[in-house]
Amino acid sequence: MWITSAFAAGGPTDGSGIVQFLPMIVIFAAFYFILIRPQQKKAKEHRAMLDALQKGDEVVTSGGVVGKLVKVSDQFVTVEIAANTEVVLQRSAISGKLEKGTIKSL
């Protein structure tokens, strides 16, 4: 009698498989909307900014160096950081595009 009662109380039911995985599904959905999706959107915007770079744009590099683009190619850019001082960087090292005239105001 004791064994039958304990078995009946703790036995699995037909719909419990999905109910057990429901918290994991909810957590994955939350991670997707809170972490993964915004990161993908930010990466897409950065890629579009890099594709739109042109000669004469003022940029800031990932190292914090501010300069003006002198030459733009597929993989590399040449940035003028001071008078007669040019640095060749990978295109992916550009972290942001600045508004025109930002360098003069610094």
C-alpha atoms as a PDB file:
ATOM      1  CA  MET A   1       0.000   0.000   0.000  1.00  0.00           C
ATOM      2  CA  TRP A   2       2.829   2.476   0.774  1.00  0.00           C
ATOM      3  CA  ILE A   3       4.698   1.738  -2.424  1.00  0.00           C
ATOM      4  CA  THR A   4       1.626   2.120  -4.580  1.00  0.00           C
ATOM      5  CA  SER A   5       0.751   5.505  -3.052  1.00  0.00           C
ATOM      6  CA  ALA A   6       4.291   6.857  -3.465  1.00  0.00           C
ATOM      7  CA  PHE A   7       4.494   5.634  -7.050  1.00  0.00           C
ATOM      8  CA  ALA A   8       1.147   7.157  -7.911  1.00  0.00           C
ATOM      9  CA  ALA A   9       2.066  10.536  -6.408  1.00  0.00           C
ATOM     10  CA  GLY A  10       5.446  10.894  -8.158  1.00  0.00           C
ATOM     11  CA  GLY A  11       4.796   9.245 -11.475  1.00  0.00           C
ATOM     12  CA  PRO A  12       5.239  11.219 -14.699  1.00  0.00           C
ATOM     13  CA  THR A  13       2.218  12.401 -16.605  1.00  0.00           C
ATOM     14  CA  ASP A  14       1.779  12.600 -20.369  1.00  0.00           C
ATOM     15  CA  GLY A  15       2.330  16.389 -20.767  1.00  0.00           C
ATOM     16  CA  SER A  16       5.200  16.801 -18.305  1.00  0.00           C
ATOM     17  CA  GLY A  17       7.951  16.599 -20.986  1.00  0.00           C
ATOM     18  CA  ILE A  18       7.192  20.021 -22.423  1.00  0.00           C
ATOM     19  CA  VAL A  19       6.485  21.496 -18.997  1.00  0.00           C
ATOM     20  CA  GLN A  20       9.985  20.487 -17.857  1.00  0.00           C
ATOM     21  CA  PHE A  21      11.645  22.161 -20.866  1.00  0.00           C
ATOM     22  CA  LEU A  22       9.487  25.292 -20.781  1.00  0.00           C
ATOM     23  CA  PRO A  23      11.770  27.224 -18.346  1.00  0.00           C
ATOM     24  CA  MET A  24      14.808  26.521 -20.561  1.00  0.00           C
ATOM     25  CA  ILE A  25      12.896  27.698 -23.628  1.00  0.00           C
ATOM     26  CA  VAL A  26      11.868  30.899 -21.848  1.00  0.00           C
ATOM     27  CA  ILE A  27      15.450  31.538 -20.695  1.00  0.00           C
ATOM     28  CA  PHE A  28      16.815  31.000 -24.221  1.00  0.00           C
ATOM     29  CA  ALA A  29      14.215  33.395 -25.645  1.00  0.00           C
ATOM     30  CA  ALA A  30      15.128  36.005 -23.029  1.00  0.00           C
ATOM     31  CA  PHE A  31      18.852  35.676 -23.820  1.00  0.00           C
ATOM     32  CA  TYR A  32      18.104  36.016 -27.522  1.00  0.00           C
ATOM     33  CA  PHE A  33      16.128  39.244 -27.142  1.00  0.00           C
ATOM     34  CA  ILE A  34      18.344  40.757 -24.433  1.00  0.00           C
ATOM     35  CA  LEU A  35      21.849  39.767 -25.573  1.00  0.00           C
ATOM     36  CA  ILE A  36      22.109  38.162 -29.012  1.00  0.00           C
ATOM     37  CA  ARG A  37      19.758  40.291 -31.108  1.00  0.00           C
ATOM     38  CA  PRO A  38      21.101  43.720 -30.001  1.00  0.00           C
ATOM     39  CA  GLN A  39      24.680  42.527 -30.566  1.00  0.00           C
ATOM     40  CA  GLN A  40      23.836  41.397 -34.111  1.00  0.00           C
ATOM     41  CA  LYS A  41      22.161  44.737 -34.805  1.00  0.00           C
ATOM     42  CA  LYS A  42      25.199  46.660 -33.550  1.00  0.00           C
ATOM     43  CA  ALA A  43      27.555  44.522 -35.676  1.00  0.00           C
ATOM     44  CA  LYS A  44      25.391  45.121 -38.749  1.00  0.00           C
ATOM     45  CA  GLU A  45      25.464  48.902 -38.200  1.00  0.00           C
ATOM     46  CA  HIS A  46      29.270  48.839 -37.736  1.00  0.00           C
ATOM     47  CA  ARG A  47      29.693  46.827 -40.946  1.00  0.00           C
ATOM     48  CA  ALA A  48      27.520  49.337 -42.839  1.00  0.00           C
ATOM     49  CA  MET A  49      29.567  52.233 -41.438  1.00  0.00           C
ATOM     50  CA  LEU A  50      32.813  50.585 -42.555  1.00  0.00           C
ATOM     51  CA  ASP A  51      31.428  49.988 -46.054  1.00  0.00           C
ATOM     52  CA  ALA A  52      30.396  53.656 -46.350  1.00  0.00           C
ATOM     53  CA  LEU A  53      33.831  55.118 -45.481  1.00  0.00           C
ATOM     54  CA  GLN A  54      35.174  57.596 -48.009  1.00  0.00           C
ATOM     55  CA  LYS A  55      38.266  59.703 -48.491  1.00  0.00           C
ATOM     56  CA  GLY A  56      38.077  62.829 -46.299  1.00  0.00           C
ATOM     57  CA  ASP A  57      35.950  61.291 -43.528  1.00  0.00           C
ATOM     58  CA  GLU A  58      37.047  61.933 -39.964  1.00  0.00           C
ATOM     59  CA  VAL A  59      37.283  58.746 -37.924  1.00  0.00           C
ATOM     60  CA  VAL A  60      38.340  57.395 -34.554  1.00  0.00           C
ATOM     61  CA  THR A  61      40.218  54.104 -34.344  1.00  0.00           C
ATOM     62  CA  SER A  62      39.750  51.335 -31.815  1.00  0.00           C
ATOM     63  CA  GLY A  63      42.895  52.614 -30.096  1.00  0.00           C
ATOM     64  CA  GLY A  64      41.410  56.085 -29.686  1.00  0.00           C
ATOM     65  CA  VAL A  65      43.435  57.828 -32.398  1.00  0.00           C
ATOM     66  CA  VAL A  66      41.503  60.520 -34.266  1.00  0.00           C
ATOM     67  CA  GLY A  67      42.347  61.271 -37.879  1.00  0.00           C
ATOM     68  CA  LYS A  68      41.225  61.979 -41.410  1.00  0.00           C
ATOM     69  CA  LEU A  69      41.043  59.319 -44.123  1.00  0.00           C
ATOM     70  CA  VAL A  70      43.499  59.950 -46.944  1.00  0.00           C
ATOM     71  CA  LYS A  71      43.218  56.677 -48.850  1.00  0.00           C
ATOM     72  CA  VAL A  72      40.585  53.941 -48.660  1.00  0.00           C
ATOM     73  CA  SER A  73      40.932  50.456 -50.119  1.00  0.00           C
ATOM     74  CA  ASP A  74      39.134  47.143 -49.593  1.00  0.00           C
ATOM     75  CA  GLN A  75      41.202  45.932 -46.621  1.00  0.00           C
ATOM     76  CA  PHE A  76      43.229  48.948 -45.466  1.00  0.00           C
ATOM     77  CA  VAL A  77      42.825  52.678 -44.905  1.00  0.00           C
ATOM     78  CA  THR A  78      45.424  55.420 -44.601  1.00  0.00           C
ATOM     79  CA  VAL A  79      44.678  57.860 -41.795  1.00  0.00           C
ATOM     80  CA  GLU A  80      46.341  61.247 -41.437  1.00  0.00           C
ATOM     81  CA  ILE A  81      46.741  61.814 -37.704  1.00  0.00           C
ATOM     82  CA  ALA A  82      48.865  64.992 -37.934  1.00  0.00           C
ATOM     83  CA  ALA A  83      50.408  67.152 -40.646  1.00  0.00           C
ATOM     84  CA  ASN A  84      52.561  64.888 -42.857  1.00  0.00           C
ATOM     85  CA  THR A  85      51.955  61.914 -40.531  1.00  0.00           C
ATOM     86  CA  GLU A  86      49.989  59.052 -42.032  1.00  0.00           C
ATOM     87  CA  VAL A  87      49.229  55.638 -40.571  1.00  0.00           C
ATOM     88  CA  VAL A  88      48.026  52.583 -42.484  1.00  0.00           C
ATOM     89  CA  LEU A  89      45.356  50.612 -40.603  1.00  0.00           C
ATOM     90  CA  GLN A  90      43.081  47.707 -41.262  1.00  0.00           C
ATOM     91  CA  ARG A  91      39.602  48.840 -42.120  1.00  0.00           C
ATOM     92  CA  SER A  92      38.192  46.905 -39.156  1.00  0.00           C
ATOM     93  CA  ALA A  93      40.311  49.024 -36.763  1.00  0.00           C
ATOM     94  CA  ILE A  94      37.989  51.991 -37.379  1.00  0.00           C
ATOM     95  CA  SER A  95      35.544  52.128 -34.501  1.00  0.00           C
ATOM     96  CA  GLY A  96      33.535  55.179 -35.456  1.00  0.00           C
ATOM     97  CA  LYS A  97      32.961  57.970 -37.916  1.00  0.00           C
ATOM     98  CA  LEU A  98      33.050  61.546 -36.611  1.00  0.00           C
ATOM     99  CA  GLU A  99      31.200  64.603 -37.857  1.00  0.00           C
ATOM    100  CA  LYS A 100      33.010  66.981 -40.190  1.00  0.00           C
ATOM    101  CA  GLY A 101      35.077  69.544 -38.288  1.00  0.00           C
ATOM    102  CA  THR A 102      35.515  67.468 -35.151  1.00  0.00           C
ATOM    103  CA  ILE A 103      39.302  67.355 -35.491  1.00  0.00           C
ATOM    104  CA  LYS A 104      39.543  71.148 -35.750  1.00  0.00           C
ATOM    105  CA  SER A 105      37.491  71.565 -32.584  1.00  0.00           C
ATOM    106  CA  LEU A 106      39.836  69.329 -30.587  1.00  0.00           C
END
